[in-house]
Amino acid sequence: ANQLAHYLRKLGVKPDELVGICLERSLD
């Protein structure tokens, strides 16, 4: 989760920015 968060930050995600998530119920 930390690695993915750093990756998202590099892509410019800031506080309060909306990010879509389209996944079945899973660990991912």
PDB file of all heavy atoms in Angstrom:
ATOM      1  N   ALA A   1       0.835  -1.207   0.000  1.00  0.00           N
ATOM      2  CA  ALA A   1       0.000   0.000   0.000  1.00  0.00           C
ATOM      3  C   ALA A   1       0.868   1.256   0.000  1.00  0.00           C
ATOM      4  O   ALA A   1       0.562   2.238  -0.685  1.00  0.00           O
ATOM      5  CB  ALA A   1      -0.934  -0.010   1.214  1.00  0.00           C
ATOM      6  N   ASN A   2       1.968   1.231   0.775  1.00  0.00           N
ATOM      7  CA  ASN A   2       2.869   2.391   0.771  1.00  0.00           C
ATOM      8  C   ASN A   2       3.498   2.597  -0.613  1.00  0.00           C
ATOM      9  O   ASN A   2       3.597   3.731  -1.098  1.00  0.00           O
ATOM     10  CB  ASN A   2       3.979   2.205   1.813  1.00  0.00           C
ATOM     11  CG  ASN A   2       3.498   2.520   3.216  1.00  0.00           C
ATOM     12  OD1 ASN A   2       2.469   3.160   3.388  1.00  0.00           O
ATOM     13  ND2 ASN A   2       4.225   2.062   4.225  1.00  0.00           N
ATOM     14  N   GLN A   3       3.935   1.500  -1.237  1.00  0.00           N
ATOM     15  CA  GLN A   3       4.553   1.619  -2.562  1.00  0.00           C
ATOM     16  C   GLN A   3       3.569   2.215  -3.575  1.00  0.00           C
ATOM     17  O   GLN A   3       3.908   3.116  -4.339  1.00  0.00           O
ATOM     18  CB  GLN A   3       5.039   0.247  -3.041  1.00  0.00           C
ATOM     19  CG  GLN A   3       6.264  -0.235  -2.282  1.00  0.00           C
ATOM     20  CD  GLN A   3       6.722  -1.600  -2.781  1.00  0.00           C
ATOM     21  OE1 GLN A   3       5.923  -2.520  -2.908  1.00  0.00           O
ATOM     22  NE2 GLN A   3       8.004  -1.733  -3.051  1.00  0.00           N
ATOM     23  N   LEU A   4       2.344   1.721  -3.542  1.00  0.00           N
ATOM     24  CA  LEU A   4       1.328   2.222  -4.469  1.00  0.00           C
ATOM     25  C   LEU A   4       1.010   3.692  -4.162  1.00  0.00           C
ATOM     26  O   LEU A   4       0.812   4.499  -5.075  1.00  0.00           O
ATOM     27  CB  LEU A   4       0.066   1.354  -4.376  1.00  0.00           C
ATOM     28  CG  LEU A   4      -1.100   1.728  -5.294  1.00  0.00           C
ATOM     29  CD1 LEU A   4      -0.689   1.817  -6.757  1.00  0.00           C
ATOM     30  CD2 LEU A   4      -2.251   0.720  -5.135  1.00  0.00           C
ATOM     31  N   ALA A   5       1.011   4.057  -2.870  1.00  0.00           N
ATOM     32  CA  ALA A   5       0.745   5.453  -2.485  1.00  0.00           C
ATOM     33  C   ALA A   5       1.845   6.377  -3.020  1.00  0.00           C
ATOM     34  O   ALA A   5       1.567   7.455  -3.559  1.00  0.00           O
ATOM     35  CB  ALA A   5       0.632   5.566  -0.965  1.00  0.00           C
ATOM     36  N   HIS A   6       3.116   5.948  -2.875  1.00  0.00           N
ATOM     37  CA  HIS A   6       4.231   6.762  -3.420  1.00  0.00           C
ATOM     38  C   HIS A   6       4.106   6.880  -4.939  1.00  0.00           C
ATOM     39  O   HIS A   6       4.365   7.939  -5.515  1.00  0.00           O
ATOM     40  CB  HIS A   6       5.583   6.134  -3.045  1.00  0.00           C
ATOM     41  CG  HIS A   6       6.004   6.422  -1.631  1.00  0.00           C
ATOM     42  ND1 HIS A   6       6.457   7.667  -1.230  1.00  0.00           N
ATOM     43  CD2 HIS A   6       6.020   5.645  -0.524  1.00  0.00           C
ATOM     44  CE1 HIS A   6       6.754   7.631   0.071  1.00  0.00           C
ATOM     45  NE2 HIS A   6       6.490   6.413   0.515  1.00  0.00           N
ATOM     46  N   TYR A   7       3.714   5.799  -5.569  1.00  0.00           N
ATOM     47  CA  TYR A   7       3.530   5.781  -7.031  1.00  0.00           C
ATOM     48  C   TYR A   7       2.436   6.777  -7.440  1.00  0.00           C
ATOM     49  O   TYR A   7       2.578   7.538  -8.393  1.00  0.00           O
ATOM     50  CB  TYR A   7       3.159   4.350  -7.444  1.00  0.00           C
ATOM     51  CG  TYR A   7       3.077   4.090  -8.932  1.00  0.00           C
ATOM     52  CD1 TYR A   7       4.226   3.974  -9.703  1.00  0.00           C
ATOM     53  CD2 TYR A   7       1.837   3.931  -9.551  1.00  0.00           C
ATOM     54  CE1 TYR A   7       4.145   3.711 -11.072  1.00  0.00           C
ATOM     55  CE2 TYR A   7       1.751   3.671 -10.920  1.00  0.00           C
ATOM     56  CZ  TYR A   7       2.902   3.564 -11.673  1.00  0.00           C
ATOM     57  OH  TYR A   7       2.826   3.300 -13.031  1.00  0.00           O
ATOM     58  N   LEU A   8       1.339   6.794  -6.661  1.00  0.00           N
ATOM     59  CA  LEU A   8       0.239   7.733  -6.941  1.00  0.00           C
ATOM     60  C   LEU A   8       0.694   9.179  -6.727  1.00  0.00           C
ATOM     61  O   LEU A   8       0.312  10.081  -7.467  1.00  0.00           O
ATOM     62  CB  LEU A   8      -0.977   7.431  -6.050  1.00  0.00           C
ATOM     63  CG  LEU A   8      -1.729   6.128  -6.347  1.00  0.00           C
ATOM     64  CD1 LEU A   8      -2.786   5.861  -5.268  1.00  0.00           C
ATOM     65  CD2 LEU A   8      -2.395   6.169  -7.718  1.00  0.00           C
ATOM     66  N   ARG A   9       1.536   9.376  -5.696  1.00  0.00           N
ATOM     67  CA  ARG A   9       2.023  10.738  -5.442  1.00  0.00           C
ATOM     68  C   ARG A   9       2.869  11.226  -6.624  1.00  0.00           C
ATOM     69  O   ARG A   9       2.760  12.377  -7.036  1.00  0.00           O
ATOM     70  CB  ARG A   9       2.828  10.777  -4.138  1.00  0.00           C
ATOM     71  CG  ARG A   9       3.339  12.185  -3.820  1.00  0.00           C
ATOM     72  CD  ARG A   9       4.012  12.269  -2.483  1.00  0.00           C
ATOM     73  NE  ARG A   9       3.040  12.405  -1.400  1.00  0.00           N
ATOM     74  CZ  ARG A   9       3.371  12.443  -0.113  1.00  0.00           C
ATOM     75  NH1 ARG A   9       4.639  12.345   0.244  1.00  0.00           N
ATOM     76  NH2 ARG A   9       2.443  12.577   0.814  1.00  0.00           N
ATOM     77  N   LYS A  10       3.702  10.324  -7.164  1.00  0.00           N
ATOM     78  CA  LYS A  10       4.522  10.685  -8.343  1.00  0.00           C
ATOM     79  C   LYS A  10       3.632  11.083  -9.516  1.00  0.00           C
ATOM     80  O   LYS A  10       3.994  11.910 -10.345  1.00  0.00           O
ATOM     81  CB  LYS A  10       5.393   9.501  -8.758  1.00  0.00           C
ATOM     82  CG  LYS A  10       6.697   9.370  -7.995  1.00  0.00           C
ATOM     83  CD  LYS A  10       7.777   8.727  -8.885  1.00  0.00           C
ATOM     84  CE  LYS A  10       9.102   8.624  -8.149  1.00  0.00           C
ATOM     85  NZ  LYS A  10       9.240   7.334  -7.431  1.00  0.00           N
ATOM     86  N   LEU A  11       2.445  10.468  -9.594  1.00  0.00           N
ATOM     87  CA  LEU A  11       1.508  10.807 -10.675  1.00  0.00           C
ATOM     88  C   LEU A  11       0.714  12.081 -10.355  1.00  0.00           C
ATOM     89  O   LEU A  11      -0.165  12.475 -11.121  1.00  0.00           O
ATOM     90  CB  LEU A  11       0.536   9.640 -10.905  1.00  0.00           C
ATOM     91  CG  LEU A  11       1.147   8.374 -11.516  1.00  0.00           C
ATOM     92  CD1 LEU A  11       0.124   7.245 -11.518  1.00  0.00           C
ATOM     93  CD2 LEU A  11       1.643   8.621 -12.932  1.00  0.00           C
ATOM     94  N   GLY A  12       1.013  12.671  -9.182  1.00  0.00           N
ATOM     95  CA  GLY A  12       0.420  13.978  -8.876  1.00  0.00           C
ATOM     96  C   GLY A  12      -0.830  13.960  -8.024  1.00  0.00           C
ATOM     97  O   GLY A  12      -1.520  14.977  -7.918  1.00  0.00           O
ATOM     98  N   VAL A  13      -1.165  12.813  -7.399  1.00  0.00           N
ATOM     99  CA  VAL A  13      -2.377  12.778  -6.557  1.00  0.00           C
ATOM    100  C   VAL A  13      -2.154  13.598  -5.290  1.00  0.00           C
ATOM    101  O   VAL A  13      -1.166  13.415  -4.576  1.00  0.00           O
ATOM    102  CB  VAL A  13      -2.770  11.326  -6.185  1.00  0.00           C
ATOM    103  CG1 VAL A  13      -3.975  11.316  -5.254  1.00  0.00           C
ATOM    104  CG2 VAL A  13      -3.079  10.524  -7.442  1.00  0.00           C
ATOM    105  N   LYS A  14      -3.078  14.521  -5.028  1.00  0.00           N
ATOM    106  CA  LYS A  14      -2.971  15.423  -3.870  1.00  0.00           C
ATOM    107  C   LYS A  14      -4.137  15.163  -2.906  1.00  0.00           C
ATOM    108  O   LYS A  14      -5.113  14.522  -3.280  1.00  0.00           O
ATOM    109  CB  LYS A  14      -3.040  16.881  -4.347  1.00  0.00           C
ATOM    110  CG  LYS A  14      -1.901  17.281  -5.283  1.00  0.00           C
ATOM    111  CD  LYS A  14      -2.059  18.737  -5.723  1.00  0.00           C
ATOM    112  CE  LYS A  14      -0.937  19.154  -6.658  1.00  0.00           C
ATOM    113  NZ  LYS A  14      -0.977  18.440  -7.950  1.00  0.00           N
ATOM    114  N   PRO A  15      -4.048  15.718  -1.677  1.00  0.00           N
ATOM    115  CA  PRO A  15      -5.162  15.553  -0.742  1.00  0.00           C
ATOM    116  C   PRO A  15      -6.489  16.004  -1.344  1.00  0.00           C
ATOM    117  O   PRO A  15      -6.536  16.995  -2.081  1.00  0.00           O
ATOM    118  CB  PRO A  15      -4.761  16.441   0.446  1.00  0.00           C
ATOM    119  CG  PRO A  15      -3.269  16.390   0.434  1.00  0.00           C
ATOM    120  CD  PRO A  15      -2.886  16.350  -1.016  1.00  0.00           C
ATOM    121  N   ASP A  16      -7.529  15.246  -1.035  1.00  0.00           N
ATOM    122  CA  ASP A  16      -8.906  15.509  -1.504  1.00  0.00           C
ATOM    123  C   ASP A  16      -9.113  15.229  -2.993  1.00  0.00           C
ATOM    124  O   ASP A  16     -10.207  15.436  -3.512  1.00  0.00           O
ATOM    125  CB  ASP A  16      -9.364  16.942  -1.196  1.00  0.00           C
ATOM    126  CG  ASP A  16      -9.660  17.139   0.282  1.00  0.00           C
ATOM    127  OD1 ASP A  16      -9.769  16.130   0.997  1.00  0.00           O
ATOM    128  OD2 ASP A  16      -9.776  18.297   0.719  1.00  0.00           O
ATOM    129  N   GLU A  17      -8.074  14.752  -3.668  1.00  0.00           N
ATOM    130  CA  GLU A  17      -8.265  14.422  -5.093  1.00  0.00           C
ATOM    131  C   GLU A  17      -8.957  13.065  -5.205  1.00  0.00           C
ATOM    132  O   GLU A  17      -8.645  12.129  -4.467  1.00  0.00           O
ATOM    133  CB  GLU A  17      -6.913  14.381  -5.817  1.00  0.00           C
ATOM    134  CG  GLU A  17      -7.090  14.226  -7.305  1.00  0.00           C
ATOM    135  CD  GLU A  17      -5.798  14.481  -8.070  1.00  0.00           C
ATOM    136  OE1 GLU A  17      -5.004  15.338  -7.651  1.00  0.00           O
ATOM    137  OE2 GLU A  17      -5.586  13.791  -9.073  1.00  0.00           O
ATOM    138  N   LEU A  18      -9.901  12.968  -6.139  1.00  0.00           N
ATOM    139  CA  LEU A  18     -10.652  11.731  -6.299  1.00  0.00           C
ATOM    140  C   LEU A  18      -9.893  10.752  -7.198  1.00  0.00           C
ATOM    141  O   LEU A  18      -9.371  11.128  -8.246  1.00  0.00           O
ATOM    142  CB  LEU A  18     -12.030  12.025  -6.901  1.00  0.00           C
ATOM    143  CG  LEU A  18     -12.896  13.019  -6.128  1.00  0.00           C
ATOM    144  CD1 LEU A  18     -14.261  13.187  -6.803  1.00  0.00           C
ATOM    145  CD2 LEU A  18     -13.086  12.576  -4.680  1.00  0.00           C
ATOM    146  N   VAL A  19      -9.843   9.487  -6.758  1.00  0.00           N
ATOM    147  CA  VAL A  19      -9.179   8.415  -7.524  1.00  0.00           C
ATOM    148  C   VAL A  19     -10.179   7.267  -7.661  1.00  0.00           C
ATOM    149  O   VAL A  19     -10.732   6.793  -6.659  1.00  0.00           O
ATOM    150  CB  VAL A  19      -7.902   7.921  -6.797  1.00  0.00           C
ATOM    151  CG1 VAL A  19      -7.248   6.786  -7.578  1.00  0.00           C
ATOM    152  CG2 VAL A  19      -6.919   9.073  -6.584  1.00  0.00           C
ATOM    153  N   GLY A  20     -10.410   6.820  -8.893  1.00  0.00           N
ATOM    154  CA  GLY A  20     -11.342   5.719  -9.118  1.00  0.00           C
ATOM    155  C   GLY A  20     -10.737   4.379  -8.733  1.00  0.00           C
ATOM    156  O   GLY A  20      -9.518   4.184  -8.844  1.00  0.00           O
ATOM    157  N   ILE A  21     -11.560   3.456  -8.267  1.00  0.00           N
ATOM    158  CA  ILE A  21     -11.088   2.089  -8.017  1.00  0.00           C
ATOM    159  C   ILE A  21     -12.174   1.122  -8.482  1.00  0.00           C
ATOM    160  O   ILE A  21     -13.314   1.179  -8.026  1.00  0.00           O
ATOM    161  CB  ILE A  21     -10.675   1.871  -6.529  1.00  0.00           C
ATOM    162  CG1 ILE A  21     -10.187   0.423  -6.307  1.00  0.00           C
ATOM    163  CG2 ILE A  21     -11.774   2.256  -5.549  1.00  0.00           C
ATOM    164  CD1 ILE A  21      -9.392   0.236  -5.026  1.00  0.00           C
ATOM    165  N   CYS A  22     -11.814   0.295  -9.464  1.00  0.00           N
ATOM    166  CA  CYS A  22     -12.767  -0.649 -10.052  1.00  0.00           C
ATOM    167  C   CYS A  22     -12.162  -2.046  -9.931  1.00  0.00           C
ATOM    168  O   CYS A  22     -11.404  -2.491 -10.798  1.00  0.00           O
ATOM    169  CB  CYS A  22     -13.009  -0.270 -11.516  1.00  0.00           C
ATOM    170  SG  CYS A  22     -14.190  -1.357 -12.339  1.00  0.00           S
ATOM    171  N   LEU A  23     -12.448  -2.713  -8.820  1.00  0.00           N
ATOM    172  CA  LEU A  23     -11.889  -4.040  -8.537  1.00  0.00           C
ATOM    173  C   LEU A  23     -12.924  -4.889  -7.829  1.00  0.00           C
ATOM    174  O   LEU A  23     -13.779  -4.380  -7.102  1.00  0.00           O
ATOM    175  CB  LEU A  23     -10.654  -3.921  -7.626  1.00  0.00           C
ATOM    176  CG  LEU A  23      -9.368  -3.359  -8.246  1.00  0.00           C
ATOM    177  CD1 LEU A  23      -8.375  -2.984  -7.169  1.00  0.00           C
ATOM    178  CD2 LEU A  23      -8.735  -4.375  -9.196  1.00  0.00           C
ATOM    179  N   GLU A  24     -12.846  -6.193  -8.050  1.00  0.00           N
ATOM    180  CA  GLU A  24     -13.679  -7.121  -7.278  1.00  0.00           C
ATOM    181  C   GLU A  24     -13.135  -7.154  -5.848  1.00  0.00           C
ATOM    182  O   GLU A  24     -11.998  -6.757  -5.592  1.00  0.00           O
ATOM    183  CB  GLU A  24     -13.581  -8.544  -7.869  1.00  0.00           C
ATOM    184  CG  GLU A  24     -14.055  -8.667  -9.307  1.00  0.00           C
ATOM    185  CD  GLU A  24     -15.570  -8.633  -9.444  1.00  0.00           C
ATOM    186  OE1 GLU A  24     -16.264  -8.483  -8.417  1.00  0.00           O
ATOM    187  OE2 GLU A  24     -16.045  -8.745 -10.591  1.00  0.00           O
ATOM    188  N   ARG A  25     -13.932  -7.674  -4.911  1.00  0.00           N
ATOM    189  CA  ARG A  25     -13.470  -7.814  -3.533  1.00  0.00           C
ATOM    190  C   ARG A  25     -12.252  -8.724  -3.509  1.00  0.00           C
ATOM    191  O   ARG A  25     -12.316  -9.863  -3.953  1.00  0.00           O
ATOM    192  CB  ARG A  25     -14.593  -8.391  -2.668  1.00  0.00           C
ATOM    193  CG  ARG A  25     -15.753  -7.425  -2.520  1.00  0.00           C
ATOM    194  CD  ARG A  25     -16.946  -8.001  -1.780  1.00  0.00           C
ATOM    195  NE  ARG A  25     -17.396  -9.245  -2.365  1.00  0.00           N
ATOM    196  CZ  ARG A  25     -17.307 -10.424  -1.776  1.00  0.00           C
ATOM    197  NH1 ARG A  25     -16.801 -10.533  -0.580  1.00  0.00           N
ATOM    198  NH2 ARG A  25     -17.738 -11.509  -2.379  1.00  0.00           N
ATOM    199  N   SER A  26     -11.126  -8.198  -3.029  1.00  0.00           N
ATOM    200  CA  SER A  26      -9.863  -8.946  -3.061  1.00  0.00           C
ATOM    201  C   SER A  26      -8.830  -8.227  -2.204  1.00  0.00           C
ATOM    202  O   SER A  26      -9.053  -7.097  -1.759  1.00  0.00           O
ATOM    203  CB  SER A  26      -9.333  -9.004  -4.502  1.00  0.00           C
ATOM    204  OG  SER A  26      -9.127  -7.677  -4.978  1.00  0.00           O
ATOM    205  N   LEU A  27      -7.669  -8.872  -2.043  1.00  0.00           N
ATOM    206  CA  LEU A  27      -6.563  -8.239  -1.324  1.00  0.00           C
ATOM    207  C   LEU A  27      -6.109  -6.981  -2.079  1.00  0.00           C
ATOM    208  O   LEU A  27      -5.844  -5.939  -1.466  1.00  0.00           O
ATOM    209  CB  LEU A  27      -5.402  -9.234  -1.181  1.00  0.00           C
ATOM    210  CG  LEU A  27      -4.200  -8.733  -0.378  1.00  0.00           C
ATOM    211  CD1 LEU A  27      -4.596  -8.368   1.040  1.00  0.00           C
ATOM    212  CD2 LEU A  27      -3.097  -9.779  -0.364  1.00  0.00           C
ATOM    213  N   ASP A  28      -6.044  -7.071  -3.407  1.00  0.00           N
ATOM    214  CA  ASP A  28      -5.644  -5.902  -4.206  1.00  0.00           C
ATOM    215  C   ASP A  28      -6.571  -4.714  -3.958  1.00  0.00           C
ATOM    216  O   ASP A  28      -6.136  -3.563  -3.937  1.00  0.00           O
ATOM    217  CB  ASP A  28      -5.673  -6.230  -5.708  1.00  0.00           C
ATOM    218  CG  ASP A  28      -4.372  -6.888  -6.166  1.00  0.00           C
ATOM    219  OD1 ASP A  28      -3.426  -6.947  -5.356  1.00  0.00           O
ATOM    220  OD2 ASP A  28      -4.296  -7.316  -7.337  1.00  0.00           O
TER     221      ASP A  28
END
